[in-house]
Amino acid sequence: MAETMQFDLVSPERNLMSAQVLSVQIPGADGDMTAMPNHSPLITTLRPGILSVETEKGVEEFVVTGGFAQLGDGLTVLAERALPKGDVNQATYEALVEEAQSAYTQTKEAFKNEPGPVDDAAKLLSDMVAIGTHIGLDAKQPSL
């Protein structure tokens, strides 16, 4: 039997998964990473993307919109929003993109002379749009 670690995926609405897992692919803000048992401890922020969890029974995927991952003896992901990939249809995806578009527009208005926050909001919107392509939906084009 392969070595496993405890994994917990929590969003404000609910606990989505708590299980022994072989590995978890994390869409980190600084790049994608794979967490496995005995990984060095770390904390990272998440960007919008697909969180892929490998268990002994197979792979489960979740769409996350951001949050944090803490890796120590196990892995805990605190997601801003997380949905099982199978629950994300075109309408749900478009609502997520619209929300990111609205945040980008508000940030652009609030920080007219500060490119840093506007660039961060544009990146968030771009990552959210890319999710559609990754899960086989019609990508919604943002207005930047």
Protein backbone atom coordinates (compact mmCIF):
# COMPACT_ATOMS: atom_id res chain seq x y z
CA MET A 1 0.00 0.00 0.00
CA ALA A 2 1.37 3.42 -0.97
CA GLU A 3 2.10 6.06 1.62
CA THR A 4 -0.72 8.56 2.18
CA MET A 5 -1.33 11.82 4.00
CA GLN A 6 -4.40 13.45 5.50
CA PHE A 7 -6.06 15.96 3.16
CA ASP A 8 -8.84 18.39 4.00
CA LEU A 9 -10.54 20.76 1.54
CA VAL A 10 -12.70 23.38 3.20
CA SER A 11 -14.64 26.32 1.78
CA PRO A 12 -16.78 28.82 3.70
CA GLU A 13 -19.89 26.89 2.65
CA ARG A 14 -18.79 23.36 3.55
CA ASN A 15 -16.14 20.73 4.04
CA LEU A 16 -15.73 19.25 0.55
CA MET A 17 -13.29 16.44 1.23
CA SER A 18 -11.45 14.82 4.11
CA ALA A 19 -9.47 11.72 3.17
CA GLN A 20 -6.16 9.93 3.06
CA VAL A 21 -4.56 10.83 -0.28
CA LEU A 22 -1.51 9.90 -2.33
CA SER A 23 -0.94 13.38 -3.79
CA VAL A 24 -2.62 16.73 -4.47
CA GLN A 25 -1.87 19.02 -7.41
CA ILE A 26 -2.27 22.60 -6.22
CA PRO A 27 -2.77 25.68 -8.42
CA GLY A 28 -0.40 27.88 -6.42
CA ALA A 29 -0.16 31.62 -6.94
CA ASP A 30 3.57 31.19 -7.62
CA GLY A 31 3.06 28.15 -9.85
CA ASP A 32 1.51 24.71 -9.79
CA MET A 33 2.89 22.22 -7.29
CA THR A 34 2.29 18.65 -6.20
CA ALA A 35 2.04 17.88 -2.50
CA MET A 36 2.87 14.35 -1.39
CA PRO A 37 3.46 12.62 1.95
CA ASN A 38 6.62 13.84 3.73
CA HIS A 39 6.70 17.09 1.73
CA SER A 40 8.50 19.97 3.42
CA PRO A 41 6.14 22.19 5.42
CA LEU A 42 4.90 25.30 3.61
CA ILE A 43 2.04 27.70 3.21
CA THR A 44 1.06 29.02 -0.20
CA THR A 45 -1.74 31.06 -1.69
CA LEU A 46 -3.96 29.61 -4.41
CA ARG A 47 -4.88 31.09 -7.75
CA PRO A 48 -8.04 30.10 -9.62
CA GLY A 49 -7.56 26.67 -11.10
CA ILE A 50 -8.09 22.93 -10.80
CA LEU A 51 -7.13 21.16 -7.57
CA SER A 52 -6.52 17.49 -8.40
CA VAL A 53 -6.61 14.95 -5.57
CA GLU A 54 -5.25 11.43 -6.09
CA THR A 55 -6.58 8.78 -3.75
CA GLU A 56 -6.21 5.01 -3.87
CA LYS A 57 -9.68 4.93 -5.48
CA GLY A 58 -8.86 7.41 -8.26
CA VAL A 59 -8.63 11.14 -8.92
CA GLU A 60 -11.10 13.79 -7.78
CA GLU A 61 -10.94 17.32 -9.16
CA PHE A 62 -12.22 20.59 -7.76
CA VAL A 63 -12.42 24.09 -9.18
CA VAL A 64 -10.98 26.59 -6.69
CA THR A 65 -11.07 30.38 -6.99
CA GLY A 66 -8.32 31.19 -4.49
CA GLY A 67 -7.40 30.67 -0.87
CA PHE A 68 -4.52 29.07 1.02
CA ALA A 69 -2.86 25.68 1.29
CA GLN A 70 -0.98 24.62 4.42
CA LEU A 71 1.25 21.60 4.20
CA GLY A 72 2.69 20.00 7.33
CA ASP A 73 1.91 16.52 8.63
CA GLY A 74 -1.00 16.64 6.16
CA LEU A 75 -2.46 19.14 3.73
CA THR A 76 -5.27 21.56 4.47
CA VAL A 77 -6.70 23.74 1.71
CA LEU A 78 -8.84 26.68 2.78
CA ALA A 79 -10.51 27.76 -0.45
CA GLU A 80 -12.34 31.03 -1.04
CA ARG A 81 -14.70 28.97 -3.17
CA ALA A 82 -14.41 25.32 -4.20
CA LEU A 83 -16.73 23.22 -6.32
CA PRO A 84 -16.45 19.64 -7.51
CA LYS A 85 -15.40 19.89 -11.16
CA GLY A 86 -18.44 17.88 -12.22
CA ASP A 87 -20.73 20.52 -10.68
CA VAL A 88 -19.30 23.35 -12.81
CA ASN A 89 -21.44 23.85 -15.91
CA GLN A 90 -21.33 26.71 -18.43
CA ALA A 91 -23.67 28.93 -16.38
CA THR A 92 -21.70 28.40 -13.15
CA TYR A 93 -18.43 29.10 -14.96
CA GLU A 94 -19.78 32.28 -16.57
CA ALA A 95 -21.00 33.51 -13.16
CA LEU A 96 -17.49 32.98 -11.72
CA VAL A 97 -15.95 34.91 -14.63
CA GLU A 98 -18.50 37.72 -14.25
CA GLU A 99 -17.61 37.99 -10.57
CA ALA A 100 -13.89 38.23 -11.42
CA GLN A 101 -14.68 40.78 -14.15
CA SER A 102 -16.59 42.90 -11.65
CA ALA A 103 -13.70 42.74 -9.16
CA TYR A 104 -11.29 43.78 -11.92
CA THR A 105 -13.48 46.74 -12.93
CA GLN A 106 -13.81 47.90 -9.32
CA THR A 107 -10.07 47.58 -8.73
CA LYS A 108 -9.31 49.51 -11.94
CA GLU A 109 -11.54 52.35 -10.74
CA ALA A 110 -10.19 52.36 -7.17
CA PHE A 111 -6.49 52.18 -8.13
CA LYS A 112 -6.24 54.38 -11.24
CA ASN A 113 -2.59 55.28 -10.73
CA GLU A 114 -1.42 52.07 -9.07
CA PRO A 115 -0.72 49.33 -11.60
CA GLY A 116 0.10 46.61 -9.01
CA PRO A 117 -3.43 45.95 -7.72
CA VAL A 118 -4.90 46.33 -11.22
CA ASP A 119 -2.38 43.85 -12.63
CA ASP A 120 -3.22 41.41 -9.82
CA ALA A 121 -6.95 41.71 -10.58
CA ALA A 122 -6.29 41.23 -14.31
CA LYS A 123 -4.26 38.08 -13.56
CA LEU A 124 -7.06 36.76 -11.35
CA LEU A 125 -9.56 37.37 -14.16
CA SER A 126 -7.27 35.71 -16.70
CA ASP A 127 -6.83 32.64 -14.48
CA MET A 128 -10.58 32.42 -13.98
CA VAL A 129 -11.16 32.54 -17.75
CA ALA A 130 -8.56 29.78 -18.27
CA ILE A 131 -10.50 27.42 -16.01
CA GLY A 132 -13.17 27.11 -18.71
CA THR A 133 -10.65 25.86 -21.22
CA HIS A 134 -9.19 23.39 -18.72
CA ILE A 135 -12.55 21.81 -17.99
CA GLY A 136 -13.87 21.80 -21.55
CA LEU A 137 -16.31 24.72 -21.44
CA ASP A 138 -16.61 27.63 -23.87
CA ALA A 139 -14.13 30.19 -22.58
CA LYS A 140 -15.69 33.53 -21.78
CA GLN A 141 -13.62 36.45 -23.06
CA PRO A 142 -12.94 39.12 -20.44
CA SER A 143 -13.03 42.83 -21.02
CA LEU A 144 -9.72 44.29 -19.89
